[in-house]
Amino acid sequence: MLLFDQGLKHHKEEFTAKEKDIIVDKLVSENSLKEQLDYAVDRILLAHRNTRLFLFMMTGPCLLILMCIKYTIKGILVMHFWRKHKAKKAA
């Protein structure tokens, strides 16, 4: 039993060599090749503008910083409740 219908599944279609040649010839024959390439690069950079932040967040130093923050907050909460309990016992 399939969880999805094979007929409705989307696939990327690969260009044939002939289609690739047609596209390349069209790009080369036009005078605006530089403008089109600049526009394409701008769109790619815009789509991946957060990649540097994502890569930093996946590194060890960022993980250590986050773990230190997490355990600091936990320690502060434990100390707060421990002091509160200790004060209640003394009274």
C-alpha atoms as a PDB file:
ATOM      1  CA  MET A   1       0.000   0.000   0.000  1.00  0.00           C
ATOM      2  CA  LEU A   2       1.456   3.355  -1.028  1.00  0.00           C
ATOM      3  CA  LEU A   3       1.132   6.451   1.119  1.00  0.00           C
ATOM      4  CA  PHE A   4       0.846   8.644  -1.978  1.00  0.00           C
ATOM      5  CA  ASP A   5      -0.314   8.376  -5.549  1.00  0.00           C
ATOM      6  CA  GLN A   6       2.588   7.840  -7.959  1.00  0.00           C
ATOM      7  CA  GLY A   7       0.698   9.765 -10.651  1.00  0.00           C
ATOM      8  CA  LEU A   8       0.536  12.910  -8.501  1.00  0.00           C
ATOM      9  CA  LYS A   9       4.170  12.813  -7.409  1.00  0.00           C
ATOM     10  CA  HIS A  10       6.196  15.733  -8.791  1.00  0.00           C
ATOM     11  CA  HIS A  11       9.537  15.146 -10.466  1.00  0.00           C
ATOM     12  CA  LYS A  12      12.127  17.500 -11.866  1.00  0.00           C
ATOM     13  CA  GLU A  13      12.475  17.082 -15.587  1.00  0.00           C
ATOM     14  CA  GLU A  14      15.989  16.990 -16.939  1.00  0.00           C
ATOM     15  CA  PHE A  15      16.817  18.899 -20.122  1.00  0.00           C
ATOM     16  CA  THR A  16      18.012  16.901 -23.060  1.00  0.00           C
ATOM     17  CA  ALA A  17      21.276  17.847 -24.776  1.00  0.00           C
ATOM     18  CA  LYS A  18      19.318  19.396 -27.659  1.00  0.00           C
ATOM     19  CA  GLU A  19      17.259  21.570 -25.289  1.00  0.00           C
ATOM     20  CA  LYS A  20      20.417  22.670 -23.479  1.00  0.00           C
ATOM     21  CA  ASP A  21      22.024  23.673 -26.795  1.00  0.00           C
ATOM     22  CA  ILE A  22      18.961  25.715 -27.741  1.00  0.00           C
ATOM     23  CA  ILE A  23      18.983  27.567 -24.424  1.00  0.00           C
ATOM     24  CA  VAL A  24      22.728  28.280 -24.575  1.00  0.00           C
ATOM     25  CA  ASP A  25      22.490  29.496 -28.192  1.00  0.00           C
ATOM     26  CA  LYS A  26      19.630  31.791 -27.244  1.00  0.00           C
ATOM     27  CA  LEU A  27      21.587  33.263 -24.320  1.00  0.00           C
ATOM     28  CA  VAL A  28      24.758  33.759 -26.348  1.00  0.00           C
ATOM     29  CA  SER A  29      22.940  35.342 -29.304  1.00  0.00           C
ATOM     30  CA  GLU A  30      21.317  38.014 -27.136  1.00  0.00           C
ATOM     31  CA  ASN A  31      23.223  41.155 -26.161  1.00  0.00           C
ATOM     32  CA  SER A  32      21.849  41.205 -22.627  1.00  0.00           C
ATOM     33  CA  LEU A  33      23.738  38.106 -21.446  1.00  0.00           C
ATOM     34  CA  LYS A  34      25.639  40.029 -18.760  1.00  0.00           C
ATOM     35  CA  GLU A  35      22.442  41.591 -17.414  1.00  0.00           C
ATOM     36  CA  GLN A  36      20.695  38.215 -17.305  1.00  0.00           C
ATOM     37  CA  LEU A  37      23.627  36.582 -15.521  1.00  0.00           C
ATOM     38  CA  ASP A  38      23.856  39.455 -13.014  1.00  0.00           C
ATOM     39  CA  TYR A  39      20.127  39.172 -12.353  1.00  0.00           C
ATOM     40  CA  ALA A  40      20.400  35.393 -11.901  1.00  0.00           C
ATOM     41  CA  VAL A  41      23.330  35.748  -9.483  1.00  0.00           C
ATOM     42  CA  ASP A  42      21.427  38.404  -7.505  1.00  0.00           C
ATOM     43  CA  ARG A  43      18.433  36.099  -7.199  1.00  0.00           C
ATOM     44  CA  ILE A  44      20.625  33.206  -6.039  1.00  0.00           C
ATOM     45  CA  LEU A  45      22.365  35.380  -3.447  1.00  0.00           C
ATOM     46  CA  LEU A  46      19.026  36.732  -2.242  1.00  0.00           C
ATOM     47  CA  ALA A  47      17.655  33.219  -1.848  1.00  0.00           C
ATOM     48  CA  HIS A  48      20.714  32.144   0.182  1.00  0.00           C
ATOM     49  CA  ARG A  49      21.354  35.329   2.153  1.00  0.00           C
ATOM     50  CA  ASN A  50      21.071  33.541   5.493  1.00  0.00           C
ATOM     51  CA  THR A  51      23.492  30.758   4.604  1.00  0.00           C
ATOM     52  CA  ARG A  52      26.387  32.355   6.503  1.00  0.00           C
ATOM     53  CA  LEU A  53      24.246  32.633   9.653  1.00  0.00           C
ATOM     54  CA  PHE A  54      23.044  29.044   9.230  1.00  0.00           C
ATOM     55  CA  LEU A  55      26.605  27.767   8.821  1.00  0.00           C
ATOM     56  CA  PHE A  56      27.734  29.645  11.942  1.00  0.00           C
ATOM     57  CA  MET A  57      24.843  28.187  13.935  1.00  0.00           C
ATOM     58  CA  MET A  58      25.937  24.675  12.953  1.00  0.00           C
ATOM     59  CA  THR A  59      29.504  25.142  14.260  1.00  0.00           C
ATOM     60  CA  GLY A  60      30.933  24.043  17.590  1.00  0.00           C
ATOM     61  CA  PRO A  61      31.479  27.512  19.116  1.00  0.00           C
ATOM     62  CA  CYS A  62      27.834  28.451  18.580  1.00  0.00           C
ATOM     63  CA  LEU A  63      26.745  25.159  20.150  1.00  0.00           C
ATOM     64  CA  LEU A  64      28.974  25.806  23.161  1.00  0.00           C
ATOM     65  CA  ILE A  65      27.593  29.324  23.577  1.00  0.00           C
ATOM     66  CA  LEU A  66      24.011  28.058  23.413  1.00  0.00           C
ATOM     67  CA  MET A  67      24.737  25.271  25.910  1.00  0.00           C
ATOM     68  CA  CYS A  68      26.366  27.755  28.315  1.00  0.00           C
ATOM     69  CA  ILE A  69      23.322  30.018  28.097  1.00  0.00           C
ATOM     70  CA  LYS A  70      20.983  27.060  28.632  1.00  0.00           C
ATOM     71  CA  TYR A  71      22.815  25.762  31.715  1.00  0.00           C
ATOM     72  CA  THR A  72      23.207  29.272  33.132  1.00  0.00           C
ATOM     73  CA  ILE A  73      19.437  29.768  32.993  1.00  0.00           C
ATOM     74  CA  LYS A  74      18.877  26.342  34.553  1.00  0.00           C
ATOM     75  CA  GLY A  75      21.399  27.120  37.305  1.00  0.00           C
ATOM     76  CA  ILE A  76      19.778  30.455  38.092  1.00  0.00           C
ATOM     77  CA  LEU A  77      16.355  28.813  38.349  1.00  0.00           C
ATOM     78  CA  VAL A  78      17.634  26.020  40.607  1.00  0.00           C
ATOM     79  CA  MET A  79      19.405  28.529  42.883  1.00  0.00           C
ATOM     80  CA  HIS A  80      16.265  30.672  43.047  1.00  0.00           C
ATOM     81  CA  PHE A  81      14.044  27.763  44.068  1.00  0.00           C
ATOM     82  CA  TRP A  82      16.671  26.397  46.477  1.00  0.00           C
ATOM     83  CA  ARG A  83      16.985  29.784  48.250  1.00  0.00           C
ATOM     84  CA  LYS A  84      13.211  30.151  48.315  1.00  0.00           C
ATOM     85  CA  HIS A  85      12.868  26.667  49.877  1.00  0.00           C
ATOM     86  CA  LYS A  86      15.693  27.385  52.351  1.00  0.00           C
ATOM     87  CA  ALA A  87      14.060  30.665  53.434  1.00  0.00           C
ATOM     88  CA  LYS A  88      10.731  28.900  53.898  1.00  0.00           C
ATOM     89  CA  LYS A  89      12.400  26.256  56.099  1.00  0.00           C
ATOM     90  CA  ALA A  90      14.150  28.869  58.265  1.00  0.00           C
ATOM     91  CA  ALA A  91      10.921  30.770  58.911  1.00  0.00           C
END
